[in-house]
């Protein structure tokens, strides 16, 4: 059984930073069974892809609104994926979820359109709240 546990959320002011962690169990990153994505859901809005990482090739993708501010990385030995979030804005306030995904590519992340990327998801974590105040 695959399980994902997020941590690292909290409350910061505009311009602050947070680093989210996602510890994955149930498969090892070296098995190349899945990729990992970060999604977020703000109150009253759909859950959408923020970033993803291909565990076999290390390719990364970011939604338009977080490019240049967020960085996704993976520690394969620890089965952990991180999301470093810098220059946070109130619009980043949301519950952040990590997920195992079937693939990682530009279609998974939010480009401002209507597609959410959640079709790629196999398993969800429980989520961690991020609140950015102005």
Protein backbone atom coordinates (compact mmCIF):
# COMPACT_ATOMS: atom_id res chain seq x y z
CA UNK A 1 0.00 0.00 0.00
CA UNK A 2 1.37 3.39 -1.03
CA UNK A 3 1.26 6.12 1.61
CA UNK A 4 2.35 9.74 1.39
CA UNK A 5 2.84 12.00 4.41
CA UNK A 6 3.31 15.73 3.94
CA UNK A 7 4.81 18.13 6.45
CA UNK A 8 6.28 21.61 6.58
CA UNK A 9 3.22 23.75 6.11
CA UNK A 10 2.56 26.81 8.23
CA UNK A 11 1.87 30.52 8.26
CA UNK A 12 4.26 33.08 6.81
CA UNK A 13 4.14 36.66 5.63
CA UNK A 14 4.40 37.77 2.03
CA UNK A 15 7.91 37.20 0.73
CA UNK A 16 8.61 34.38 3.17
CA UNK A 17 9.66 30.81 2.49
CA UNK A 18 8.55 27.32 3.43
CA UNK A 19 9.81 23.87 2.53
CA UNK A 20 7.28 21.09 2.24
CA UNK A 21 8.32 17.46 2.60
CA UNK A 22 6.55 14.36 1.32
CA UNK A 23 7.71 11.02 2.68
CA UNK A 24 6.53 8.13 0.52
CA UNK A 25 6.23 4.49 1.55
CA UNK A 26 4.96 1.42 -0.28
CA UNK A 27 7.43 1.58 -3.14
CA UNK A 28 10.97 2.81 -3.59
CA UNK A 29 11.86 5.63 -5.92
CA UNK A 30 14.36 3.38 -7.67
CA UNK A 31 11.51 1.08 -8.77
CA UNK A 32 10.29 3.70 -11.26
CA UNK A 33 6.66 2.78 -10.64
CA UNK A 34 5.44 6.36 -10.26
CA UNK A 35 6.41 9.99 -10.44
CA UNK A 36 5.53 12.55 -7.77
CA UNK A 37 3.45 15.68 -8.02
CA UNK A 38 2.51 18.53 -5.72
CA UNK A 39 -1.01 19.91 -5.98
CA UNK A 40 -2.82 22.64 -4.11
CA UNK A 41 -6.39 23.56 -3.37
CA UNK A 42 -7.45 27.00 -2.24
CA UNK A 43 -10.85 27.57 -0.56
CA UNK A 44 -13.63 27.37 -3.11
CA UNK A 45 -11.29 26.37 -5.93
CA UNK A 46 -10.32 23.18 -7.70
CA UNK A 47 -7.27 21.19 -6.77
CA UNK A 48 -4.59 21.79 -9.41
CA UNK A 49 -1.06 20.66 -10.17
CA UNK A 50 1.73 22.91 -8.93
CA UNK A 51 4.83 20.93 -9.82
CA UNK A 52 6.00 17.42 -10.58
CA UNK A 53 9.23 15.46 -10.82
CA UNK A 54 10.09 12.41 -12.87
CA UNK A 55 11.79 10.00 -10.51
CA UNK A 56 13.67 8.17 -13.26
CA UNK A 57 14.95 11.13 -15.26
CA UNK A 58 14.74 13.99 -12.75
CA UNK A 59 12.76 16.18 -15.13
CA UNK A 60 10.73 18.86 -13.36
CA UNK A 61 7.72 20.93 -14.36
CA UNK A 62 6.08 23.94 -12.74
CA UNK A 63 2.81 25.77 -13.02
CA UNK A 64 3.00 29.22 -14.53
CA UNK A 65 2.23 31.04 -11.28
CA UNK A 66 5.05 29.38 -9.32
CA UNK A 67 7.86 29.26 -11.90
CA UNK A 68 11.01 30.86 -10.55
CA UNK A 69 9.71 30.77 -6.97
CA UNK A 70 9.16 27.07 -6.22
CA UNK A 71 11.67 24.25 -6.58
CA UNK A 72 10.85 20.55 -6.46
CA UNK A 73 13.49 17.96 -5.63
CA UNK A 74 13.73 14.32 -4.67
CA UNK A 75 15.97 12.37 -2.33
CA UNK A 76 15.74 8.88 -3.76
CA UNK A 77 17.63 7.27 -0.89
CA UNK A 78 15.11 8.66 1.60
CA UNK A 79 12.00 8.24 -0.60
CA UNK A 80 11.24 11.90 0.03
CA UNK A 81 10.20 14.74 -2.26
CA UNK A 82 10.55 18.39 -1.29
CA UNK A 83 8.88 21.56 -2.47
CA UNK A 84 10.92 24.66 -1.63
CA UNK A 85 8.64 27.67 -1.80
CA UNK A 86 10.20 31.13 -1.87
CA UNK A 87 8.80 34.62 -2.37
CA UNK A 88 5.44 33.42 -1.15
CA UNK A 89 2.34 35.46 -1.99
CA UNK A 90 -1.15 35.49 -0.45
CA UNK A 91 -2.36 33.77 -3.64
CA UNK A 92 -0.26 30.74 -2.65
CA UNK A 93 -2.50 30.13 0.37
CA UNK A 94 -3.94 26.63 0.01
CA UNK A 95 -3.81 23.08 1.24
CA UNK A 96 -0.86 21.41 -0.47
CA UNK A 97 -1.00 17.74 -1.36
CA UNK A 98 1.66 15.42 -2.68
CA UNK A 99 0.67 12.52 -4.86
CA UNK A 100 2.03 9.59 -6.78
CA UNK A 101 1.36 10.15 -10.45
CA UNK A 102 1.36 8.18 -13.67
CA UNK A 103 3.82 10.38 -15.46
CA UNK A 104 5.07 13.93 -15.08
CA UNK A 105 4.84 16.54 -17.78
CA UNK A 106 3.56 19.99 -18.68
CA UNK A 107 -0.03 18.73 -18.88
CA UNK A 108 -0.01 17.93 -15.15
CA UNK A 109 0.74 21.47 -13.95
CA UNK A 110 -1.48 24.53 -13.91
CA UNK A 111 -1.02 26.75 -16.96
CA UNK A 112 -3.94 28.97 -16.01
CA UNK A 113 -6.41 26.88 -17.94
CA UNK A 114 -9.19 24.64 -16.73
CA UNK A 115 -7.35 21.30 -16.68
CA UNK A 116 -6.39 20.27 -13.15
CA UNK A 117 -3.88 17.47 -13.76
CA UNK A 118 -5.58 15.27 -11.16
CA UNK A 119 -6.25 12.57 -13.79
CA UNK A 120 -2.58 11.64 -13.43
CA UNK A 121 -2.89 10.87 -9.70
CA UNK A 122 -2.69 7.37 -8.25
CA UNK A 123 -2.49 8.11 -4.50
CA UNK A 124 -2.92 11.26 -2.37
CA UNK A 125 -1.35 12.43 0.84
CA UNK A 126 -3.45 14.01 3.57
CA UNK A 127 -2.39 17.58 2.79
CA UNK A 128 -0.66 20.37 4.68
CA UNK A 129 -1.95 23.93 5.08
CA UNK A 130 0.06 26.88 3.81
CA UNK A 131 -1.14 30.36 4.74
CA UNK A 132 0.52 33.51 3.44
CA UNK A 133 -0.55 36.81 4.96
CA UNK A 134 -0.03 40.24 3.47
